[in-house]
Structures are given as C-alpha cells and as structure tokens.
Amino acid sequence: MAEWLGAEISIPDNDAPNGDYFRAQSGSELRLPKCTACGMFQYPPRSMCPDCRNKEFRFEAVSGRGTIHSYFILSQPIQAAFLPHPDAPIALIELDEQKGVGGGGDRTKQPNSARALRLVGNIVKADGSFEDPANVAVNKRVQVKIIDLGDGMGLPQWVLSDEPPAGPLWQVPGD
C-alpha cells in the first residue's frame, strides 16, 4: 500500500495520467511526461497535450532543479496526515527546463512566460521532515527529493539548495 505521513495514497484505476506520473517517480530522478509530437513537458499530468492535442507521452528525466515561484504556509491543516505538521511550507516550483517556451496551442514554441513548467510540492529538509518556514522565500533555489510512497510510487518534494537565489528574496509577511 502506498502511503505518506501515515495516510494511504490511492489513485483510481481510471486516472491513468496521475497513476503513471506517480509510478514514474519511483526512482531518484524527477520524470515528467513529454509530448511525443511537439516535445513539450506536461504538468499536471493529462491525457492530451494542451499545445498540440497529441495523446501520446513518454516520461523523461529532468534536472529536478528549480526556483520557488510562490509558496504558502499550511497554518490550519484539515487533512489528518498534516495535523502533526502545522506550518508546513508548500510551494510552486518553476523548473529550470522549458522556461518561457511555447504554449497556448500556437504550436510555435515562441517565448511565453505563462508556459513555464511549474510543480507543486512541500519544502522539506534532506531527512524528509518539513523545512522551517523562516527559511523559505520566493526566488530561493531548490532540488527535488523523491519520497518513496511504496507500491512502486514516489512523491516529488523540494529541498532548499545552496545555489544563489534567482532574484530578490520575498517572504510571506509574519503575524
């Protein structure tokens, strides 16, 4: 049985894109679906490419490096698995791959900042525990850490990197 933080992870049989995605993460590399027609990486996983409408994908490894684009602190968890972890930082990570290319169905792969490759995940320490929110900021660099969920599935999470920030740091204002 796949689980994380003591909660069972269940993906319905009729949700192939998400099942394939979590099974592709079973190693140590971040692997994302890439359209076999236009070559654009896709996230979130889906059954059809929004750029060219192709329905065939192959999973390819990406660097797993990126920048915190936005984040929030989970201050009032409602999911039981998060109750023991108040103040868990959850972030939108912009990956180094596919920055500002293509999108919008134009099939031209022209620069387009709205088509960046961004994933959601928790900011964790190397041991998998949640990072202190005081250490998290927009523009800090991160590296993927795949958490083994069991049942051949993995969950991408993010660890702060020693790389210099990608721009000026910004943090959620304190109380």
N, C-alpha and C. Protein backbone atom coordinates (compact mmCIF):
# COMPACT_ATOMS: atom_id res chain seq x y z
N MET A 1 0.84 -1.19 0.00
CA MET A 1 0.00 0.00 0.00
C MET A 1 0.89 1.25 0.00
N ALA A 2 0.58 2.17 -0.89
CA ALA A 2 1.31 3.44 -0.94
C ALA A 2 0.79 4.35 0.17
N GLU A 3 1.73 5.04 0.85
CA GLU A 3 1.31 5.98 1.90
C GLU A 3 2.36 7.05 2.12
N TRP A 4 1.89 8.14 2.68
CA TRP A 4 2.77 9.25 3.06
C TRP A 4 2.19 9.90 4.30
N LEU A 5 3.02 10.18 5.29
CA LEU A 5 2.62 10.75 6.58
C LEU A 5 1.53 9.92 7.24
N GLY A 6 1.56 8.61 6.98
CA GLY A 6 0.57 7.71 7.58
C GLY A 6 -0.76 7.68 6.86
N ALA A 7 -0.92 8.43 5.79
CA ALA A 7 -2.18 8.43 5.03
C ALA A 7 -2.02 7.57 3.78
N GLU A 8 -3.01 6.75 3.49
CA GLU A 8 -2.98 5.91 2.30
C GLU A 8 -3.11 6.77 1.04
N ILE A 9 -2.29 6.45 0.05
CA ILE A 9 -2.34 7.12 -1.25
C ILE A 9 -3.03 6.17 -2.20
N SER A 10 -4.16 6.60 -2.73
CA SER A 10 -4.93 5.76 -3.63
C SER A 10 -5.23 6.53 -4.90
N ILE A 11 -4.88 5.94 -6.04
CA ILE A 11 -5.16 6.55 -7.33
C ILE A 11 -6.12 5.61 -8.06
N PRO A 12 -7.30 6.11 -8.42
CA PRO A 12 -8.28 5.25 -9.10
C PRO A 12 -7.74 4.67 -10.41
N ASP A 13 -8.19 3.49 -10.76
CA ASP A 13 -7.76 2.84 -11.99
C ASP A 13 -8.07 3.67 -13.23
N ASN A 14 -9.11 4.50 -13.16
CA ASN A 14 -9.49 5.28 -14.34
C ASN A 14 -8.75 6.63 -14.42
N ASP A 15 -7.72 6.81 -13.59
CA ASP A 15 -6.91 8.02 -13.62
C ASP A 15 -5.49 7.67 -14.06
N ALA A 16 -5.37 7.20 -15.29
CA ALA A 16 -4.07 6.76 -15.81
C ALA A 16 -3.01 7.85 -15.80
N PRO A 17 -3.31 9.10 -16.20
CA PRO A 17 -2.24 10.11 -16.20
C PRO A 17 -1.58 10.29 -14.83
N ASN A 18 -2.37 10.36 -13.75
CA ASN A 18 -1.78 10.53 -12.42
C ASN A 18 -1.12 9.26 -11.93
N GLY A 19 -1.70 8.11 -12.19
CA GLY A 19 -1.07 6.84 -11.80
C GLY A 19 0.29 6.68 -12.47
N ASP A 20 0.34 6.95 -13.76
CA ASP A 20 1.61 6.86 -14.50
C ASP A 20 2.64 7.83 -13.94
N TYR A 21 2.19 9.05 -13.61
CA TYR A 21 3.09 10.07 -13.07
C TYR A 21 3.73 9.61 -11.76
N PHE A 22 2.94 9.15 -10.81
CA PHE A 22 3.50 8.75 -9.51
C PHE A 22 4.35 7.50 -9.62
N ARG A 23 4.01 6.58 -10.55
CA ARG A 23 4.86 5.41 -10.76
C ARG A 23 6.18 5.80 -11.43
N ALA A 24 6.18 6.83 -12.27
CA ALA A 24 7.41 7.28 -12.92
C ALA A 24 8.39 7.88 -11.92
N GLN A 25 7.92 8.27 -10.74
CA GLN A 25 8.78 8.91 -9.73
C GLN A 25 9.38 7.89 -8.77
N SER A 26 9.32 6.61 -9.09
CA SER A 26 9.76 5.59 -8.13
C SER A 26 11.27 5.54 -7.94
N GLY A 27 12.04 6.21 -8.75
CA GLY A 27 13.49 6.23 -8.59
C GLY A 27 13.94 7.48 -7.87
N SER A 28 15.13 7.96 -8.20
CA SER A 28 15.64 9.17 -7.55
C SER A 28 15.55 10.39 -8.47
N GLU A 29 15.14 10.17 -9.74
CA GLU A 29 15.04 11.28 -10.69
C GLU A 29 13.59 11.75 -10.81
N LEU A 30 13.44 13.04 -11.08
CA LEU A 30 12.14 13.58 -11.42
C LEU A 30 11.90 13.28 -12.89
N ARG A 31 10.80 12.60 -13.18
CA ARG A 31 10.45 12.23 -14.55
C ARG A 31 9.09 12.82 -14.88
N LEU A 32 9.02 13.52 -16.01
CA LEU A 32 7.78 14.18 -16.41
C LEU A 32 7.33 13.71 -17.78
N PRO A 33 6.00 13.73 -18.00
CA PRO A 33 5.50 13.34 -19.32
C PRO A 33 5.88 14.40 -20.35
N LYS A 34 6.36 13.92 -21.50
CA LYS A 34 6.75 14.81 -22.59
C LYS A 34 5.97 14.38 -23.83
N CYS A 35 5.34 15.33 -24.47
CA CYS A 35 4.54 15.06 -25.67
C CYS A 35 5.45 14.50 -26.77
N THR A 36 5.04 13.39 -27.38
CA THR A 36 5.85 12.79 -28.44
C THR A 36 5.76 13.57 -29.74
N ALA A 37 4.77 14.46 -29.88
CA ALA A 37 4.62 15.24 -31.12
C ALA A 37 5.34 16.58 -31.05
N CYS A 38 5.04 17.40 -30.04
CA CYS A 38 5.62 18.76 -30.00
C CYS A 38 6.81 18.87 -29.06
N GLY A 39 7.05 17.86 -28.22
CA GLY A 39 8.20 17.86 -27.34
C GLY A 39 8.07 18.69 -26.08
N MET A 40 6.85 19.15 -25.76
CA MET A 40 6.65 19.96 -24.55
C MET A 40 6.42 19.04 -23.35
N PHE A 41 7.11 19.34 -22.22
CA PHE A 41 6.84 18.64 -20.97
C PHE A 41 5.47 19.08 -20.47
N GLN A 42 4.79 18.18 -19.77
CA GLN A 42 3.44 18.45 -19.29
C GLN A 42 3.36 18.29 -17.77
N TYR A 43 2.79 19.25 -17.12
CA TYR A 43 2.41 19.15 -15.71
C TYR A 43 1.32 20.17 -15.47
N PRO A 44 0.21 19.76 -14.86
CA PRO A 44 -0.05 18.44 -14.31
C PRO A 44 -0.23 17.40 -15.42
N PRO A 45 -0.13 16.11 -15.01
CA PRO A 45 -0.32 15.04 -16.00
C PRO A 45 -1.73 15.14 -16.59
N ARG A 46 -1.84 14.82 -17.84
CA ARG A 46 -3.15 14.88 -18.51
C ARG A 46 -3.17 13.87 -19.64
N SER A 47 -4.34 13.67 -20.21
CA SER A 47 -4.48 12.67 -21.27
C SER A 47 -4.27 13.24 -22.66
N MET A 48 -4.17 14.57 -22.79
CA MET A 48 -3.96 15.18 -24.09
C MET A 48 -3.07 16.41 -23.94
N CYS A 49 -2.15 16.60 -24.87
CA CYS A 49 -1.26 17.76 -24.85
C CYS A 49 -2.06 19.02 -25.13
N PRO A 50 -1.98 20.03 -24.25
CA PRO A 50 -2.72 21.27 -24.50
C PRO A 50 -2.09 22.12 -25.61
N ASP A 51 -0.87 21.79 -26.00
CA ASP A 51 -0.20 22.57 -27.03
C ASP A 51 -0.50 22.08 -28.45
N CYS A 52 -0.57 20.76 -28.63
CA CYS A 52 -0.78 20.24 -29.98
C CYS A 52 -1.90 19.20 -30.07
N ARG A 53 -2.49 18.87 -28.94
CA ARG A 53 -3.61 17.93 -28.84
C ARG A 53 -3.22 16.47 -29.10
N ASN A 54 -1.95 16.18 -29.08
CA ASN A 54 -1.48 14.81 -29.21
C ASN A 54 -1.84 14.05 -27.93
N LYS A 55 -2.06 12.75 -28.04
CA LYS A 55 -2.43 11.95 -26.87
C LYS A 55 -1.35 10.97 -26.44
N GLU A 56 -0.15 11.11 -26.97
CA GLU A 56 0.92 10.18 -26.61
C GLU A 56 2.06 10.93 -25.92
N PHE A 57 2.51 10.35 -24.80
CA PHE A 57 3.57 10.93 -23.98
C PHE A 57 4.58 9.86 -23.65
N ARG A 58 5.81 10.29 -23.35
CA ARG A 58 6.81 9.39 -22.77
C ARG A 58 7.41 10.15 -21.58
N PHE A 59 7.74 9.43 -20.55
CA PHE A 59 8.32 10.07 -19.36
C PHE A 59 9.82 10.21 -19.56
N GLU A 60 10.32 11.43 -19.31
CA GLU A 60 11.75 11.71 -19.41
C GLU A 60 12.24 12.38 -18.14
N ALA A 61 13.49 12.09 -17.80
CA ALA A 61 14.10 12.71 -16.62
C ALA A 61 14.39 14.18 -16.91
N VAL A 62 14.19 15.00 -15.89
CA VAL A 62 14.57 16.42 -15.93
C VAL A 62 15.55 16.65 -14.79
N SER A 63 16.14 17.82 -14.75
CA SER A 63 17.21 18.08 -13.76
C SER A 63 16.73 18.01 -12.32
N GLY A 64 15.46 18.32 -12.07
CA GLY A 64 14.97 18.35 -10.70
C GLY A 64 15.42 19.61 -9.96
N ARG A 65 15.91 20.60 -10.69
CA ARG A 65 16.34 21.85 -10.10
C ARG A 65 15.37 22.94 -10.50
N GLY A 66 15.13 23.87 -9.57
CA GLY A 66 14.21 24.94 -9.87
C GLY A 66 14.26 26.05 -8.85
N THR A 67 13.27 26.94 -8.95
CA THR A 67 13.19 28.13 -8.12
C THR A 67 11.80 28.21 -7.50
N ILE A 68 11.72 28.63 -6.25
CA ILE A 68 10.41 28.84 -5.62
C ILE A 68 9.76 30.03 -6.30
N HIS A 69 8.66 29.78 -6.99
CA HIS A 69 7.93 30.83 -7.71
C HIS A 69 6.91 31.50 -6.79
N SER A 70 6.31 30.69 -5.91
CA SER A 70 5.32 31.17 -4.94
C SER A 70 5.22 30.11 -3.85
N TYR A 71 4.69 30.49 -2.69
CA TYR A 71 4.52 29.50 -1.63
C TYR A 71 3.50 29.99 -0.62
N PHE A 72 3.04 29.07 0.22
CA PHE A 72 2.22 29.43 1.36
C PHE A 72 2.55 28.50 2.51
N ILE A 73 2.16 28.91 3.69
CA ILE A 73 2.41 28.11 4.89
C ILE A 73 1.07 27.52 5.32
N LEU A 74 1.02 26.20 5.42
CA LEU A 74 -0.20 25.50 5.80
C LEU A 74 -0.42 25.68 7.30
N SER A 75 -1.15 26.71 7.67
CA SER A 75 -1.29 27.04 9.09
C SER A 75 -2.46 26.34 9.76
N GLN A 76 -3.47 25.93 9.01
CA GLN A 76 -4.63 25.25 9.59
C GLN A 76 -4.96 24.02 8.76
N PRO A 77 -4.17 22.95 8.93
CA PRO A 77 -4.40 21.75 8.13
C PRO A 77 -5.75 21.12 8.42
N ILE A 78 -6.40 20.63 7.38
CA ILE A 78 -7.67 19.92 7.57
C ILE A 78 -7.51 18.43 7.28
N GLN A 79 -6.47 18.05 6.53
CA GLN A 79 -6.20 16.65 6.26
C GLN A 79 -5.48 16.10 7.48
N ALA A 80 -5.98 14.99 8.02
CA ALA A 80 -5.45 14.42 9.27
C ALA A 80 -3.94 14.17 9.23
N ALA A 81 -3.41 13.78 8.07
CA ALA A 81 -1.97 13.49 7.97
C ALA A 81 -1.12 14.73 8.25
N PHE A 82 -1.67 15.93 8.01
CA PHE A 82 -0.91 17.16 8.22
C PHE A 82 -1.10 17.76 9.61
N LEU A 83 -2.03 17.26 10.40
CA LEU A 83 -2.27 17.82 11.73
C LEU A 83 -1.02 17.89 12.60
N PRO A 84 -0.16 16.86 12.59
CA PRO A 84 1.06 16.95 13.40
C PRO A 84 2.13 17.87 12.79
N HIS A 85 1.84 18.45 11.64
CA HIS A 85 2.83 19.27 10.93
C HIS A 85 2.29 20.66 10.62
N PRO A 86 1.93 21.42 11.65
CA PRO A 86 1.47 22.78 11.36
C PRO A 86 2.63 23.59 10.78
N ASP A 87 2.30 24.56 10.00
CA ASP A 87 3.28 25.45 9.38
C ASP A 87 4.15 24.75 8.33
N ALA A 88 3.59 23.75 7.66
CA ALA A 88 4.32 23.09 6.57
C ALA A 88 4.36 24.01 5.36
N PRO A 89 5.55 24.28 4.81
CA PRO A 89 5.64 25.14 3.62
C PRO A 89 5.32 24.35 2.35
N ILE A 90 4.40 24.87 1.56
CA ILE A 90 4.00 24.26 0.29
C ILE A 90 4.30 25.29 -0.80
N ALA A 91 4.98 24.85 -1.86
CA ALA A 91 5.48 25.81 -2.85
C ALA A 91 5.12 25.42 -4.28
N LEU A 92 5.11 26.43 -5.11
CA LEU A 92 5.02 26.27 -6.55
C LEU A 92 6.44 26.45 -7.07
N ILE A 93 7.00 25.39 -7.64
CA ILE A 93 8.39 25.39 -8.09
C ILE A 93 8.44 25.54 -9.59
N GLU A 94 9.20 26.51 -10.06
CA GLU A 94 9.41 26.66 -11.50
C GLU A 94 10.71 25.93 -11.85
N LEU A 95 10.58 24.89 -12.67
CA LEU A 95 11.74 24.09 -13.04
C LEU A 95 12.63 24.86 -14.03
N ASP A 96 13.91 24.47 -14.07
CA ASP A 96 14.85 25.09 -14.98
C ASP A 96 14.54 24.76 -16.44
N GLU A 97 13.90 23.61 -16.67
CA GLU A 97 13.56 23.21 -18.02
C GLU A 97 12.34 23.99 -18.53
N GLN A 98 12.32 24.21 -19.81
CA GLN A 98 11.15 24.74 -20.53
C GLN A 98 10.71 26.10 -20.05
N LYS A 99 11.65 26.94 -19.68
CA LYS A 99 11.30 28.29 -19.23
C LYS A 99 10.90 29.16 -20.41
N GLY A 100 9.71 29.70 -20.33
CA GLY A 100 9.26 30.67 -21.31
C GLY A 100 9.21 30.20 -22.74
N VAL A 101 8.82 28.94 -22.97
CA VAL A 101 8.69 28.47 -24.34
C VAL A 101 7.26 28.04 -24.63
N GLY A 102 6.89 28.16 -25.89
CA GLY A 102 5.65 27.62 -26.44
C GLY A 102 4.40 27.82 -25.63
N GLY A 103 3.42 27.07 -25.98
CA GLY A 103 2.17 27.06 -25.23
C GLY A 103 1.05 27.80 -25.91
N GLY A 104 -0.09 27.75 -25.26
CA GLY A 104 -1.26 28.45 -25.75
C GLY A 104 -1.85 27.84 -27.01
N GLY A 105 -1.43 26.62 -27.37
CA GLY A 105 -1.98 25.97 -28.54
C GLY A 105 -1.43 26.51 -29.85
N ASP A 106 -0.44 27.41 -29.80
CA ASP A 106 0.04 28.00 -31.05
C ASP A 106 1.04 27.13 -31.79
N ARG A 107 1.50 26.07 -31.15
CA ARG A 107 2.40 25.08 -31.73
C ARG A 107 3.71 25.67 -32.27
N THR A 108 4.02 26.90 -31.94
CA THR A 108 5.22 27.54 -32.47
C THR A 108 6.37 27.58 -31.48
N LYS A 109 6.13 27.27 -30.25
CA LYS A 109 7.15 27.29 -29.20
C LYS A 109 7.82 28.65 -29.11
N GLN A 110 7.07 29.71 -29.30
CA GLN A 110 7.59 31.06 -29.13
C GLN A 110 7.67 31.37 -27.64
N PRO A 111 8.57 32.26 -27.23
CA PRO A 111 8.67 32.60 -25.81
C PRO A 111 7.33 33.03 -25.24
N ASN A 112 7.04 32.50 -24.07
CA ASN A 112 5.76 32.76 -23.43
C ASN A 112 5.93 32.48 -21.94
N SER A 113 6.05 33.51 -21.11
CA SER A 113 6.33 33.30 -19.69
C SER A 113 5.21 32.56 -18.97
N ALA A 114 4.02 32.54 -19.54
CA ALA A 114 2.91 31.84 -18.90
C ALA A 114 3.00 30.33 -19.09
N ARG A 115 3.91 29.84 -19.89
CA ARG A 115 4.00 28.40 -20.18
C ARG A 115 5.17 27.74 -19.46
N ALA A 116 5.66 28.37 -18.42
CA ALA A 116 6.76 27.78 -17.66
C ALA A 116 6.31 26.45 -17.06
N LEU A 117 7.25 25.58 -16.78
CA LEU A 117 6.98 24.27 -16.20
C LEU A 117 7.04 24.39 -14.68
N ARG A 118 5.89 24.34 -14.03
CA ARG A 118 5.80 24.55 -12.57
C ARG A 118 5.10 23.38 -11.90
N LEU A 119 5.67 22.94 -10.76
CA LEU A 119 5.12 21.84 -9.98
C LEU A 119 4.87 22.29 -8.56
N VAL A 120 3.87 21.71 -7.93
CA VAL A 120 3.55 22.00 -6.53
C VAL A 120 4.16 20.91 -5.66
N GLY A 121 4.70 21.29 -4.51
CA GLY A 121 5.23 20.31 -3.57
C GLY A 121 5.60 20.97 -2.26
N ASN A 122 5.93 20.15 -1.30
CA ASN A 122 6.34 20.64 0.01
C ASN A 122 7.83 20.96 0.00
N ILE A 123 8.22 21.92 0.82
CA ILE A 123 9.64 22.20 1.03
C ILE A 123 10.03 21.40 2.26
N VAL A 124 10.98 20.48 2.06
CA VAL A 124 11.40 19.58 3.13
C VAL A 124 12.91 19.68 3.34
N LYS A 125 13.36 19.13 4.46
CA LYS A 125 14.79 19.01 4.73
C LYS A 125 15.29 17.72 4.09
N ALA A 126 16.59 17.51 4.09
CA ALA A 126 17.19 16.32 3.48
C ALA A 126 16.63 15.03 4.08
N ASP A 127 16.24 15.06 5.37
CA ASP A 127 15.70 13.86 6.02
C ASP A 127 14.20 13.66 5.73
N GLY A 128 13.58 14.57 4.96
CA GLY A 128 12.17 14.44 4.60
C GLY A 128 11.22 15.18 5.53
N SER A 129 11.72 15.70 6.65
CA SER A 129 10.85 16.48 7.54
C SER A 129 10.64 17.85 6.93
N PHE A 130 9.58 18.54 7.34
CA PHE A 130 9.25 19.84 6.75
C PHE A 130 10.28 20.90 7.13
N GLU A 131 10.60 21.75 6.17
CA GLU A 131 11.54 22.84 6.38
C GLU A 131 10.90 23.91 7.27
N ASP A 132 11.71 24.61 8.04
CA ASP A 132 11.25 25.72 8.86
C ASP A 132 10.77 26.83 7.91
N PRO A 133 9.53 27.32 8.08
CA PRO A 133 9.01 28.36 7.19
C PRO A 133 9.90 29.61 7.13
N ALA A 134 10.65 29.88 8.19
CA ALA A 134 11.53 31.06 8.20
C ALA A 134 12.65 30.96 7.16
N ASN A 135 12.93 29.75 6.69
CA ASN A 135 13.99 29.54 5.70
C ASN A 135 13.49 29.57 4.26
N VAL A 136 12.17 29.66 4.08
CA VAL A 136 11.57 29.57 2.74
C VAL A 136 11.30 30.98 2.22
N ALA A 137 11.60 31.20 0.92
CA ALA A 137 11.34 32.50 0.30
C ALA A 137 11.21 32.32 -1.21
N VAL A 138 10.41 33.19 -1.82
CA VAL A 138 10.33 33.24 -3.27
C VAL A 138 11.73 33.55 -3.81
N ASN A 139 12.08 32.90 -4.89
CA ASN A 139 13.36 33.03 -5.61
C ASN A 139 14.48 32.18 -5.02
N LYS A 140 14.25 31.48 -3.90
CA LYS A 140 15.27 30.54 -3.42
C LYS A 140 15.30 29.34 -4.36
N ARG A 141 16.49 28.78 -4.51
CA ARG A 141 16.68 27.62 -5.38
C ARG A 141 16.42 26.34 -4.61
N VAL A 142 15.90 25.33 -5.32
CA VAL A 142 15.57 24.04 -4.72
C VAL A 142 16.02 22.89 -5.61
N GLN A 143 16.11 21.72 -5.01
CA GLN A 143 16.44 20.48 -5.70
C GLN A 143 15.39 19.45 -5.30
N VAL A 144 14.96 18.62 -6.24
CA VAL A 144 13.94 17.62 -5.95
C VAL A 144 14.47 16.54 -5.01
N LYS A 145 13.59 16.03 -4.19
CA LYS A 145 13.84 14.85 -3.35
C LYS A 145 12.62 13.97 -3.54
N ILE A 146 12.82 12.75 -4.06
CA ILE A 146 11.70 11.85 -4.29
C ILE A 146 11.48 11.03 -3.02
N ILE A 147 10.27 11.14 -2.47
CA ILE A 147 9.88 10.36 -1.29
C ILE A 147 9.25 9.06 -1.76
N ASP A 148 9.77 7.94 -1.28
CA ASP A 148 9.23 6.62 -1.65
C ASP A 148 7.90 6.41 -0.93
N LEU A 149 6.82 6.24 -1.71
CA LEU A 149 5.49 6.02 -1.14
C LEU A 149 5.17 4.54 -0.98
N GLY A 150 6.02 3.68 -1.53
CA GLY A 150 5.71 2.25 -1.56
C GLY A 150 4.86 1.94 -2.79
N ASP A 151 4.61 0.67 -3.07
CA ASP A 151 3.82 0.24 -4.22
C ASP A 151 4.37 0.78 -5.54
N GLY A 152 5.69 1.03 -5.60
CA GLY A 152 6.31 1.49 -6.83
C GLY A 152 6.00 2.94 -7.18
N MET A 153 5.60 3.74 -6.19
CA MET A 153 5.29 5.14 -6.46
C MET A 153 6.20 6.06 -5.65
N GLY A 154 6.41 7.27 -6.18
CA GLY A 154 7.22 8.27 -5.50
C GLY A 154 6.54 9.62 -5.54
N LEU A 155 6.88 10.47 -4.58
CA LEU A 155 6.30 11.80 -4.45
C LEU A 155 7.42 12.84 -4.50
N PRO A 156 7.43 13.70 -5.54
CA PRO A 156 8.45 14.75 -5.60
C PRO A 156 8.23 15.79 -4.50
N GLN A 157 9.28 16.06 -3.75
CA GLN A 157 9.29 17.11 -2.74
C GLN A 157 10.53 17.95 -3.01
N TRP A 158 10.71 19.06 -2.29
CA TRP A 158 11.76 20.00 -2.64
C TRP A 158 12.62 20.37 -1.44
N VAL A 159 13.92 20.35 -1.63
CA VAL A 159 14.91 20.69 -0.60
C VAL A 159 15.60 21.98 -1.04
N LEU A 160 15.78 22.90 -0.09
CA LEU A 160 16.49 24.15 -0.40
C LEU A 160 17.91 23.84 -0.85
N SER A 161 18.36 24.58 -1.86
CA SER A 161 19.68 24.37 -2.44
C SER A 161 20.64 25.43 -1.91
N ASP A 162 21.94 25.18 -2.07
CA ASP A 162 22.97 26.16 -1.71
C ASP A 162 23.22 27.15 -2.84
N GLU A 163 22.55 26.97 -3.99
CA GLU A 163 22.74 27.89 -5.12
C GLU A 163 22.27 29.29 -4.74
N PRO A 164 22.85 30.31 -5.35
CA PRO A 164 22.38 31.67 -5.09
C PRO A 164 20.93 31.83 -5.55
N PRO A 165 20.17 32.72 -4.92
CA PRO A 165 18.77 32.92 -5.32
C PRO A 165 18.68 33.42 -6.76
N ALA A 166 17.51 33.16 -7.37
CA ALA A 166 17.28 33.55 -8.76
C ALA A 166 16.89 35.02 -8.89
N GLY A 167 16.71 35.70 -7.79
CA GLY A 167 16.32 37.10 -7.79
C GLY A 167 16.16 37.56 -6.36
N PRO A 168 15.58 38.75 -6.15
CA PRO A 168 15.40 39.23 -4.78
C PRO A 168 14.48 38.29 -4.00
N LEU A 169 14.82 38.04 -2.75
CA LEU A 169 14.00 37.15 -1.92
C LEU A 169 12.77 37.88 -1.42
N TRP A 170 11.67 37.13 -1.32
CA TRP A 170 10.43 37.66 -0.77
C TRP A 170 9.83 36.59 0.12
N GLN A 171 9.41 36.97 1.32
CA GLN A 171 8.78 36.03 2.25
C GLN A 171 7.39 36.49 2.60
N VAL A 172 6.57 35.51 2.96
CA VAL A 172 5.22 35.80 3.43
C VAL A 172 5.35 36.66 4.70
N PRO A 173 4.66 37.79 4.76
CA PRO A 173 4.75 38.63 5.96
C PRO A 173 4.35 37.87 7.21
N GLY A 174 5.06 38.11 8.31
CA GLY A 174 4.77 37.46 9.59
C GLY A 174 3.54 38.05 10.26
N ASP A 175 3.17 37.45 11.38
CA ASP A 175 1.98 37.92 12.11
C ASP A 175 2.21 39.26 12.75
